[in-house]
Amino acid sequence: MLSVAGSSEPGSASPSSTRMAARLRLMMLNGLGAEDCRGAATSPSREIARSYLRLANLDNELVDRLTRYEAGLWRQVVQMLFTLQTLKRR
């Protein structure tokens, strides 16, 4: 399970997100019918559920690495904006 933002323990999840993941898994298991096997169009809510399940099944290490990378990029953006503001004032 993915770690929740603000959580102190890696890999810990809130009870509500755990219940939501379980509910989505049940929806996926119960919702697979013959039309899905033939490749017919699926509902948007089913696609959202599938996307969430794919995200929930990702390795936590990968998500943590992406989070660190994103934080580094935002830090660089702030530094660049600060530098540009300083140069603009000259």
N, C-alpha and C. Protein backbone atom coordinates (compact mmCIF):
# COMPACT_ATOMS: atom_id res chain seq x y z
N MET A 1 0.85 -1.18 0.00
CA MET A 1 0.00 0.00 0.00
C MET A 1 0.88 1.23 0.00
N LEU A 2 0.46 2.28 -0.63
CA LEU A 2 1.22 3.51 -0.68
C LEU A 2 1.22 4.19 0.66
N SER A 3 2.29 4.91 0.95
CA SER A 3 2.30 5.67 2.19
C SER A 3 1.48 6.94 1.99
N VAL A 4 0.84 7.36 3.05
CA VAL A 4 -0.03 8.52 3.00
C VAL A 4 0.80 9.75 3.31
N ALA A 5 0.55 10.86 2.60
CA ALA A 5 1.29 12.09 2.84
C ALA A 5 1.12 12.51 4.29
N GLY A 6 2.23 12.86 4.91
CA GLY A 6 2.18 13.27 6.30
C GLY A 6 2.33 12.10 7.26
N SER A 7 2.41 10.91 6.78
CA SER A 7 2.55 9.75 7.63
C SER A 7 4.01 9.61 8.04
N SER A 8 4.26 9.21 9.27
CA SER A 8 5.63 9.10 9.75
C SER A 8 6.27 7.78 9.37
N GLU A 9 5.48 6.76 9.14
CA GLU A 9 6.04 5.46 8.81
C GLU A 9 5.89 5.20 7.32
N PRO A 10 7.00 4.79 6.66
CA PRO A 10 6.87 4.46 5.25
C PRO A 10 6.00 3.22 5.07
N GLY A 11 5.13 3.27 4.10
CA GLY A 11 4.26 2.13 3.81
C GLY A 11 3.00 2.08 4.64
N SER A 12 2.84 3.01 5.60
CA SER A 12 1.62 2.99 6.40
C SER A 12 0.51 3.68 5.63
N ALA A 13 -0.70 3.22 5.83
CA ALA A 13 -1.84 3.81 5.15
C ALA A 13 -2.95 4.05 6.15
N SER A 14 -3.74 5.06 5.91
CA SER A 14 -4.85 5.34 6.80
C SER A 14 -5.92 4.27 6.62
N PRO A 15 -6.73 4.04 7.66
CA PRO A 15 -7.80 3.04 7.53
C PRO A 15 -8.77 3.35 6.40
N SER A 16 -9.04 4.64 6.16
CA SER A 16 -9.98 4.98 5.10
C SER A 16 -9.43 4.65 3.72
N SER A 17 -8.11 4.87 3.52
CA SER A 17 -7.55 4.54 2.21
C SER A 17 -7.47 3.02 2.04
N THR A 18 -7.24 2.29 3.13
CA THR A 18 -7.22 0.83 3.05
C THR A 18 -8.61 0.31 2.71
N ARG A 19 -9.64 0.87 3.34
CA ARG A 19 -11.02 0.47 3.02
C ARG A 19 -11.36 0.80 1.58
N MET A 20 -10.91 1.97 1.11
CA MET A 20 -11.20 2.36 -0.27
C MET A 20 -10.53 1.40 -1.25
N ALA A 21 -9.28 1.04 -0.97
CA ALA A 21 -8.58 0.11 -1.85
C ALA A 21 -9.29 -1.24 -1.88
N ALA A 22 -9.73 -1.71 -0.72
CA ALA A 22 -10.44 -3.00 -0.65
C ALA A 22 -11.76 -2.91 -1.42
N ARG A 23 -12.46 -1.79 -1.27
CA ARG A 23 -13.73 -1.61 -1.97
C ARG A 23 -13.51 -1.58 -3.49
N LEU A 24 -12.44 -0.90 -3.91
CA LEU A 24 -12.15 -0.85 -5.34
C LEU A 24 -11.77 -2.22 -5.89
N ARG A 25 -11.03 -2.99 -5.10
CA ARG A 25 -10.68 -4.34 -5.54
C ARG A 25 -11.95 -5.19 -5.71
N LEU A 26 -12.87 -5.07 -4.76
CA LEU A 26 -14.14 -5.81 -4.87
C LEU A 26 -14.92 -5.36 -6.10
N MET A 27 -14.92 -4.05 -6.35
CA MET A 27 -15.62 -3.55 -7.53
C MET A 27 -15.01 -4.14 -8.79
N MET A 28 -13.68 -4.21 -8.82
CA MET A 28 -13.01 -4.76 -9.99
C MET A 28 -13.32 -6.24 -10.15
N LEU A 29 -13.29 -6.99 -9.06
CA LEU A 29 -13.55 -8.43 -9.15
C LEU A 29 -14.99 -8.71 -9.55
N ASN A 30 -15.93 -7.96 -8.99
CA ASN A 30 -17.34 -8.19 -9.29
C ASN A 30 -17.77 -7.58 -10.62
N GLY A 31 -17.02 -6.58 -11.09
CA GLY A 31 -17.46 -5.85 -12.27
C GLY A 31 -16.94 -6.40 -13.59
N LEU A 32 -16.08 -7.40 -13.55
CA LEU A 32 -15.55 -7.93 -14.80
C LEU A 32 -16.56 -8.87 -15.42
N GLY A 33 -17.15 -8.44 -16.51
CA GLY A 33 -18.15 -9.24 -17.19
C GLY A 33 -17.68 -9.65 -18.57
N ALA A 34 -18.56 -10.26 -19.32
CA ALA A 34 -18.21 -10.73 -20.66
C ALA A 34 -17.90 -9.58 -21.60
N GLU A 35 -18.55 -8.41 -21.39
CA GLU A 35 -18.29 -7.29 -22.29
C GLU A 35 -16.87 -6.78 -22.14
N ASP A 36 -16.28 -6.90 -20.95
CA ASP A 36 -14.90 -6.49 -20.75
C ASP A 36 -13.95 -7.41 -21.49
N CYS A 37 -14.26 -8.69 -21.51
CA CYS A 37 -13.41 -9.66 -22.19
C CYS A 37 -13.42 -9.44 -23.70
N ARG A 38 -14.52 -8.94 -24.25
CA ARG A 38 -14.60 -8.69 -25.69
C ARG A 38 -13.98 -7.35 -26.08
N GLY A 39 -13.58 -6.55 -25.08
CA GLY A 39 -12.94 -5.27 -25.38
C GLY A 39 -13.93 -4.13 -25.57
N ALA A 40 -15.16 -4.27 -25.09
CA ALA A 40 -16.14 -3.20 -25.22
C ALA A 40 -15.73 -2.02 -24.34
N ALA A 41 -16.30 -0.86 -24.63
CA ALA A 41 -15.98 0.34 -23.86
C ALA A 41 -16.39 0.16 -22.40
N THR A 42 -15.53 0.65 -21.51
CA THR A 42 -15.82 0.54 -20.08
C THR A 42 -16.23 1.90 -19.54
N SER A 43 -16.85 1.91 -18.40
CA SER A 43 -17.32 3.16 -17.81
C SER A 43 -16.13 3.94 -17.25
N PRO A 44 -16.26 5.26 -17.16
CA PRO A 44 -15.18 6.08 -16.60
C PRO A 44 -14.86 5.71 -15.15
N SER A 45 -15.87 5.37 -14.36
CA SER A 45 -15.61 5.01 -12.97
C SER A 45 -14.79 3.72 -12.88
N ARG A 46 -15.04 2.80 -13.79
CA ARG A 46 -14.25 1.56 -13.80
C ARG A 46 -12.80 1.84 -14.18
N GLU A 47 -12.61 2.74 -15.14
CA GLU A 47 -11.25 3.10 -15.54
C GLU A 47 -10.51 3.79 -14.40
N ILE A 48 -11.20 4.64 -13.65
CA ILE A 48 -10.59 5.30 -12.49
C ILE A 48 -10.20 4.26 -11.45
N ALA A 49 -11.09 3.29 -11.23
CA ALA A 49 -10.79 2.23 -10.25
C ALA A 49 -9.57 1.43 -10.69
N ARG A 50 -9.48 1.11 -11.97
CA ARG A 50 -8.32 0.36 -12.46
C ARG A 50 -7.04 1.18 -12.31
N SER A 51 -7.12 2.47 -12.62
CA SER A 51 -5.94 3.33 -12.48
C SER A 51 -5.49 3.40 -11.04
N TYR A 52 -6.44 3.53 -10.12
CA TYR A 52 -6.11 3.58 -8.70
C TYR A 52 -5.45 2.28 -8.25
N LEU A 53 -5.98 1.16 -8.70
CA LEU A 53 -5.41 -0.13 -8.30
C LEU A 53 -4.00 -0.31 -8.86
N ARG A 54 -3.78 0.14 -10.08
CA ARG A 54 -2.42 0.06 -10.62
C ARG A 54 -1.47 0.91 -9.79
N LEU A 55 -1.91 2.10 -9.39
CA LEU A 55 -1.09 2.98 -8.56
C LEU A 55 -0.86 2.37 -7.19
N ALA A 56 -1.90 1.76 -6.61
CA ALA A 56 -1.77 1.16 -5.28
C ALA A 56 -0.84 -0.04 -5.29
N ASN A 57 -0.70 -0.70 -6.43
CA ASN A 57 0.16 -1.87 -6.52
C ASN A 57 1.60 -1.54 -6.88
N LEU A 58 1.91 -0.26 -7.10
CA LEU A 58 3.29 0.13 -7.41
C LEU A 58 4.17 -0.08 -6.19
N ASP A 59 5.44 -0.28 -6.45
CA ASP A 59 6.42 -0.42 -5.39
C ASP A 59 6.59 0.93 -4.69
N ASN A 60 6.58 0.93 -3.36
CA ASN A 60 6.72 2.18 -2.60
C ASN A 60 8.05 2.86 -2.88
N GLU A 61 9.09 2.10 -3.16
CA GLU A 61 10.39 2.68 -3.42
C GLU A 61 10.34 3.56 -4.68
N LEU A 62 9.63 3.11 -5.68
CA LEU A 62 9.50 3.88 -6.91
C LEU A 62 8.77 5.20 -6.65
N VAL A 63 7.69 5.15 -5.89
CA VAL A 63 6.92 6.36 -5.59
C VAL A 63 7.76 7.31 -4.73
N ASP A 64 8.51 6.77 -3.76
CA ASP A 64 9.37 7.61 -2.93
C ASP A 64 10.45 8.30 -3.77
N ARG A 65 11.02 7.58 -4.72
CA ARG A 65 12.05 8.15 -5.59
C ARG A 65 11.45 9.27 -6.44
N LEU A 66 10.25 9.06 -6.97
CA LEU A 66 9.59 10.10 -7.76
C LEU A 66 9.28 11.33 -6.91
N THR A 67 8.88 11.11 -5.67
CA THR A 67 8.59 12.23 -4.77
C THR A 67 9.84 13.05 -4.49
N ARG A 68 10.97 12.37 -4.24
CA ARG A 68 12.22 13.09 -4.02
C ARG A 68 12.64 13.86 -5.27
N TYR A 69 12.48 13.24 -6.43
CA TYR A 69 12.83 13.89 -7.69
C TYR A 69 11.98 15.15 -7.89
N GLU A 70 10.67 15.03 -7.64
CA GLU A 70 9.78 16.17 -7.79
C GLU A 70 10.16 17.29 -6.82
N ALA A 71 10.49 16.94 -5.58
CA ALA A 71 10.89 17.95 -4.60
C ALA A 71 12.15 18.67 -5.06
N GLY A 72 13.10 17.92 -5.63
CA GLY A 72 14.31 18.54 -6.15
C GLY A 72 14.03 19.49 -7.29
N LEU A 73 13.11 19.10 -8.17
CA LEU A 73 12.75 19.98 -9.29
C LEU A 73 12.11 21.27 -8.80
N TRP A 74 11.20 21.17 -7.82
CA TRP A 74 10.56 22.37 -7.29
C TRP A 74 11.58 23.28 -6.61
N ARG A 75 12.55 22.68 -5.92
CA ARG A 75 13.61 23.46 -5.28
C ARG A 75 14.39 24.24 -6.34
N GLN A 76 14.68 23.59 -7.46
CA GLN A 76 15.40 24.27 -8.54
C GLN A 76 14.56 25.39 -9.16
N VAL A 77 13.26 25.18 -9.28
CA VAL A 77 12.37 26.22 -9.81
C VAL A 77 12.41 27.45 -8.91
N VAL A 78 12.33 27.22 -7.60
CA VAL A 78 12.35 28.34 -6.65
C VAL A 78 13.68 29.07 -6.73
N GLN A 79 14.78 28.34 -6.81
CA GLN A 79 16.10 28.98 -6.92
C GLN A 79 16.19 29.80 -8.20
N MET A 80 15.68 29.27 -9.30
CA MET A 80 15.74 29.98 -10.57
C MET A 80 14.89 31.26 -10.52
N LEU A 81 13.69 31.17 -9.94
CA LEU A 81 12.84 32.36 -9.83
C LEU A 81 13.49 33.41 -8.95
N PHE A 82 14.10 32.99 -7.86
CA PHE A 82 14.79 33.92 -6.97
C PHE A 82 15.94 34.61 -7.71
N THR A 83 16.71 33.83 -8.47
CA THR A 83 17.82 34.38 -9.24
C THR A 83 17.32 35.36 -10.29
N LEU A 84 16.26 35.01 -11.00
CA LEU A 84 15.72 35.91 -12.03
C LEU A 84 15.19 37.20 -11.43
N GLN A 85 14.53 37.12 -10.27
CA GLN A 85 14.05 38.34 -9.59
C GLN A 85 15.21 39.24 -9.18
N THR A 86 16.28 38.62 -8.70
CA THR A 86 17.45 39.39 -8.29
C THR A 86 18.09 40.09 -9.50
N LEU A 87 18.21 39.37 -10.61
CA LEU A 87 18.80 39.95 -11.81
C LEU A 87 17.90 41.04 -12.40
N LYS A 88 16.60 40.90 -12.26
CA LYS A 88 15.65 41.88 -12.79
C LYS A 88 15.78 43.21 -12.05
N ARG A 89 16.09 43.16 -10.77
CA ARG A 89 16.19 44.38 -9.95
C ARG A 89 17.46 45.18 -10.25
N ARG A 90 18.45 44.58 -10.84
CA ARG A 90 19.72 45.27 -11.13
C ARG A 90 19.57 46.27 -12.24
